[in-house]
Protein backbone atom coordinates (compact mmCIF):
# COMPACT_ATOMS: atom_id res chain seq x y z
CA UNK A 1 143.65 62.67 142.00
CA UNK A 2 145.30 62.34 138.62
CA UNK A 3 147.68 65.00 137.35
CA UNK A 4 145.44 66.05 134.47
CA UNK A 5 142.77 67.28 136.85
CA UNK A 6 139.44 66.21 138.24
CA UNK A 7 136.18 67.39 136.73
CA UNK A 8 133.54 66.14 139.13
CA UNK A 9 132.78 64.33 142.37
CA UNK A 10 134.40 61.05 141.33
CA UNK A 11 136.98 59.84 138.85
CA UNK A 12 135.80 59.30 135.26
CA UNK A 13 136.98 56.64 132.87
CA UNK A 14 139.88 58.44 131.28
CA UNK A 15 141.63 57.64 128.01
CA UNK A 16 144.76 59.70 127.36
CA UNK A 17 145.81 59.84 123.71
CA UNK A 18 149.56 60.50 123.40
CA UNK A 19 151.09 61.45 120.08
CA UNK A 20 154.55 60.06 119.35
CA UNK A 21 157.32 62.66 119.24
CA UNK A 22 159.92 63.73 116.67
CA UNK A 23 160.99 61.07 114.16
CA UNK A 24 164.41 60.51 112.61
CA UNK A 25 163.56 61.49 109.03
CA UNK A 26 166.65 62.89 107.25
CA UNK A 27 165.06 62.54 103.80
CA UNK A 28 162.08 64.67 104.88
CA UNK A 29 159.52 62.12 103.73
CA UNK A 30 155.82 61.78 104.36
CA UNK A 31 156.55 58.64 106.34
CA UNK A 32 153.03 57.38 107.03
CA UNK A 33 153.29 53.66 107.68
CA UNK A 34 156.82 53.25 106.31
CA UNK A 35 158.86 50.77 108.38
CA UNK A 36 161.86 51.66 110.57
CA UNK A 37 160.79 55.27 111.14
CA UNK A 38 162.12 55.60 114.67
CA UNK A 39 162.13 58.34 117.27
CA UNK A 40 165.04 60.74 117.00
CA UNK A 41 167.12 61.62 120.04
CA UNK A 42 165.01 64.76 120.39
CA UNK A 43 161.88 62.63 120.17
CA UNK A 44 163.03 60.23 122.87
CA UNK A 45 163.89 63.09 125.19
CA UNK A 46 160.54 64.78 124.65
CA UNK A 47 158.67 61.52 125.24
CA UNK A 48 160.60 61.05 128.47
CA UNK A 49 159.20 64.37 129.67
CA UNK A 50 155.70 63.16 128.88
CA UNK A 51 156.50 59.95 130.74
CA UNK A 52 157.65 61.85 133.82
CA UNK A 53 154.48 63.91 133.71
CA UNK A 54 152.41 60.72 133.76
CA UNK A 55 154.63 58.85 136.21
CA UNK A 56 152.35 59.34 139.21
CA UNK A 57 149.12 58.55 137.35
CA UNK A 58 147.77 55.06 138.17
CA UNK A 59 147.37 53.44 134.76
CA UNK A 60 145.33 50.35 133.94
CA UNK A 61 146.98 49.73 130.57
CA UNK A 62 148.97 51.25 127.72
CA UNK A 63 147.87 50.65 124.13
CA UNK A 64 150.00 51.51 121.13
CA UNK A 65 149.93 51.75 117.38
CA UNK A 66 152.06 48.91 115.94
CA UNK A 67 154.44 51.35 114.19
CA UNK A 68 157.98 51.59 115.55
CA UNK A 69 157.88 55.22 116.70
CA UNK A 70 154.68 54.60 118.65
CA UNK A 71 156.00 51.38 120.21
CA UNK A 72 159.16 53.20 121.27
CA UNK A 73 157.02 55.93 122.82
CA UNK A 74 154.90 53.36 124.68
CA UNK A 75 158.03 51.67 126.01
CA UNK A 76 159.33 54.98 127.37
CA UNK A 77 155.99 55.66 129.06
CA UNK A 78 155.97 52.11 130.38
CA UNK A 79 159.34 52.47 132.15
CA UNK A 80 157.54 54.49 134.81
CA UNK A 81 154.79 51.85 135.07
CA UNK A 82 156.65 48.52 135.01
CA UNK A 83 153.62 46.48 136.07
CA UNK A 84 151.26 47.99 133.51
CA UNK A 85 150.66 45.87 130.38
CA UNK A 86 151.44 47.32 126.95
CA UNK A 87 149.18 46.13 124.13
CA UNK A 88 149.51 46.69 120.40
CA UNK A 89 146.31 47.86 118.76
CA UNK A 90 146.15 48.10 114.97
CA UNK A 91 143.22 50.56 115.17
CA UNK A 92 145.63 53.21 116.52
CA UNK A 93 147.90 53.11 113.46
CA UNK A 94 148.79 56.05 111.21
CA UNK A 95 146.59 56.98 108.26
CA UNK A 96 146.83 54.77 105.18
CA UNK A 97 147.72 57.09 102.30
CA UNK A 98 149.50 56.68 98.99
CA UNK A 99 151.22 60.03 99.64
CA UNK A 100 153.50 57.92 101.85
CA UNK A 101 157.11 58.10 100.66
CA UNK A 102 156.69 61.47 98.90
CA UNK A 103 158.75 64.45 100.06
CA UNK A 104 156.90 66.31 102.78
CA UNK A 105 157.41 69.58 100.92
CA UNK A 106 154.36 68.46 98.90
CA UNK A 107 151.98 69.37 101.69
CA UNK A 108 154.09 72.24 103.00
CA UNK A 109 154.08 73.98 99.62
CA UNK A 110 150.54 73.10 98.49
CA UNK A 111 147.86 75.47 99.70
CA UNK A 112 144.85 73.60 101.06
CA UNK A 113 146.61 70.23 100.82
CA UNK A 114 144.54 67.27 102.01
CA UNK A 115 145.28 63.56 102.23
CA UNK A 116 141.56 62.92 101.91
CA UNK A 117 140.00 65.34 99.40
CA UNK A 118 140.45 64.01 96.84
CA UNK A 119 142.19 60.75 97.79
CA UNK A 120 145.31 60.10 95.77
CA UNK A 121 144.45 56.41 95.24
CA UNK A 122 141.29 54.33 95.71
CA UNK A 123 142.81 52.39 98.59
CA UNK A 124 143.52 55.47 100.71
CA UNK A 125 141.64 55.84 103.98
CA UNK A 126 138.87 58.39 104.21
CA UNK A 127 138.39 60.64 107.24
CA UNK A 128 135.44 58.46 108.25
CA UNK A 129 137.59 55.31 107.95
CA UNK A 130 140.12 56.79 110.38
CA UNK A 131 137.46 57.94 112.84
CA UNK A 132 135.72 54.57 112.78
CA UNK A 133 138.79 52.56 113.74
CA UNK A 134 140.00 55.12 116.29
CA UNK A 135 136.57 55.09 117.89
CA UNK A 136 136.72 51.29 118.04
CA UNK A 137 139.98 51.57 119.95
CA UNK A 138 138.49 54.17 122.30
CA UNK A 139 135.41 52.06 122.98
CA UNK A 140 137.51 48.94 123.53
CA UNK A 141 139.51 50.73 126.22
CA UNK A 142 136.34 52.11 127.83
CA UNK A 143 134.87 48.60 128.09
CA UNK A 144 138.02 47.00 129.44
CA UNK A 145 139.01 49.68 131.94
CA UNK A 146 135.85 51.33 133.24
CA UNK A 147 136.56 53.78 136.04
CA UNK A 148 140.30 53.73 135.37
CA UNK A 149 142.88 55.68 133.37
CA UNK A 150 144.56 54.23 130.29
CA UNK A 151 146.96 55.57 127.66
CA UNK A 152 146.79 55.11 123.88
CA UNK A 153 149.84 56.05 121.80
CA UNK A 154 148.90 57.07 118.27
CA UNK A 155 149.58 59.63 115.53
CA UNK A 156 148.71 63.21 114.67
CA UNK A 157 145.83 62.89 112.21
CA UNK A 158 144.10 59.94 113.92
CA UNK A 159 144.10 61.70 117.31
CA UNK A 160 142.96 64.95 115.72
CA UNK A 161 140.12 63.27 113.83
CA UNK A 162 138.86 61.59 117.00
CA UNK A 163 138.98 64.90 118.84
CA UNK A 164 137.24 66.81 116.02
CA UNK A 165 134.37 64.31 116.01
CA UNK A 166 133.92 64.26 119.79
CA UNK A 167 134.01 68.06 119.84
CA UNK A 168 130.81 68.09 117.79
CA UNK A 169 132.35 69.20 114.51
CA UNK A 170 131.67 67.64 111.15
CA UNK A 171 134.42 65.40 109.81
CA UNK A 172 135.16 67.54 106.77
CA UNK A 173 138.55 68.16 105.11
CA UNK A 174 138.42 71.78 106.28
CA UNK A 175 137.91 70.82 109.94
CA UNK A 176 140.60 68.15 109.71
CA UNK A 177 143.08 70.76 108.43
CA UNK A 178 143.18 72.09 112.00
CA UNK A 179 146.62 71.73 113.61
CA UNK A 180 147.61 68.27 114.80
CA UNK A 181 148.19 67.75 118.50
CA UNK A 182 151.82 68.62 119.21
CA UNK A 183 154.59 66.05 119.25
CA UNK A 184 154.54 64.14 122.57
CA UNK A 185 151.35 66.02 123.51
CA UNK A 186 148.34 64.51 125.27
CA UNK A 187 144.62 64.70 124.62
CA UNK A 188 142.46 63.18 127.38
CA UNK A 189 138.88 61.98 127.02
CA UNK A 190 136.97 61.82 130.33
CA UNK A 191 133.80 59.71 130.27
CA UNK A 192 131.54 59.94 133.30
CA UNK A 193 129.23 57.31 131.76
CA UNK A 194 129.90 55.04 128.78
CA UNK A 195 126.93 56.52 126.91
CA UNK A 196 127.66 60.15 127.86
CA UNK A 197 129.78 62.59 125.90
CA UNK A 198 133.34 63.11 127.17
CA UNK A 199 135.08 66.15 128.51
CA UNK A 200 138.20 66.71 126.42
CA UNK A 201 141.39 68.24 127.82
CA UNK A 202 144.83 68.74 126.30
CA UNK A 203 148.39 69.38 127.43
CA UNK A 204 151.01 70.27 124.83
CA UNK A 205 154.71 69.71 125.26
CA UNK A 206 155.56 73.33 126.06
CA UNK A 207 153.13 73.46 128.96
CA UNK A 208 154.08 69.95 130.02
CA UNK A 209 157.74 70.94 130.28
CA UNK A 210 156.86 73.89 132.51
CA UNK A 211 154.73 71.66 134.70
CA UNK A 212 157.45 69.02 135.05
CA UNK A 213 160.00 71.68 135.96
CA UNK A 214 157.69 73.43 138.41
CA UNK A 215 157.58 76.63 136.35
CA UNK A 216 153.78 76.85 135.95
CA UNK A 217 152.03 79.42 138.14
CA UNK A 218 148.51 79.00 136.83
CA UNK A 219 146.98 76.75 139.45
CA UNK A 220 149.16 73.67 139.06
CA UNK A 221 148.64 70.68 136.79
CA UNK A 222 144.95 70.49 137.54
CA UNK A 223 144.47 74.15 136.66
CA UNK A 224 146.40 73.72 133.43
CA UNK A 225 144.16 70.89 132.32
CA UNK A 226 141.04 72.88 133.09
CA UNK A 227 142.30 75.82 131.08
CA UNK A 228 142.92 73.65 128.04
CA UNK A 229 139.78 71.51 128.13
CA UNK A 230 137.15 71.98 125.43
CA UNK A 231 133.41 71.22 125.76
CA UNK A 232 132.20 68.24 123.77
CA UNK A 233 128.93 67.94 121.92
CA UNK A 234 129.44 64.49 120.48
CA UNK A 235 130.59 63.02 117.17
CA UNK A 236 129.79 65.17 114.18
CA UNK A 237 129.34 62.17 111.89
């Protein structure tokens, strides 16, 4: 039985989306797809905790966004699974936005800020663009690794958008303003049939740390996953 819990009589095809952790960003930029944005020491340590949490999960494969911070995260996860292949997948990349390189105080200080509504430049990705490519990545993994568990390392907005859609909500700017998954957090999609809707579960870093250290008293790792899962009604697109 995998550490994230079991939701039926047999194992589903499980895809675990892992968000990269804290990035070394002394200039406080919206770093988007900027090169050389690496994990900070804090980020590496947090990702190591995620890796330990997943260490006893039999993985079929690890897929990663091509950006440095995601590749570093995938490598840390992979240390506990030395025989598991790590593949780069461009569909898992961060959102393309021309806000990239601006100071991040722009969105912190702007009420109702959105990367998508309106787009800053014509070449910026829309919410639907992001969902479409993330869903391609998800479906690729489902085809390749049916009945197994795989990990995809990606970024806050892309993971959130995929989760919003598969939770039956419309892909609107308001719904996408919901909080991102936490740094080094996991969101798992359990598919009992490739054409069925998934069960979605989540483990954030705070809970994960308590689980790794044996401090959780709420029914173990399986119980924690059950408490955080959310029913899915399918893509709201």
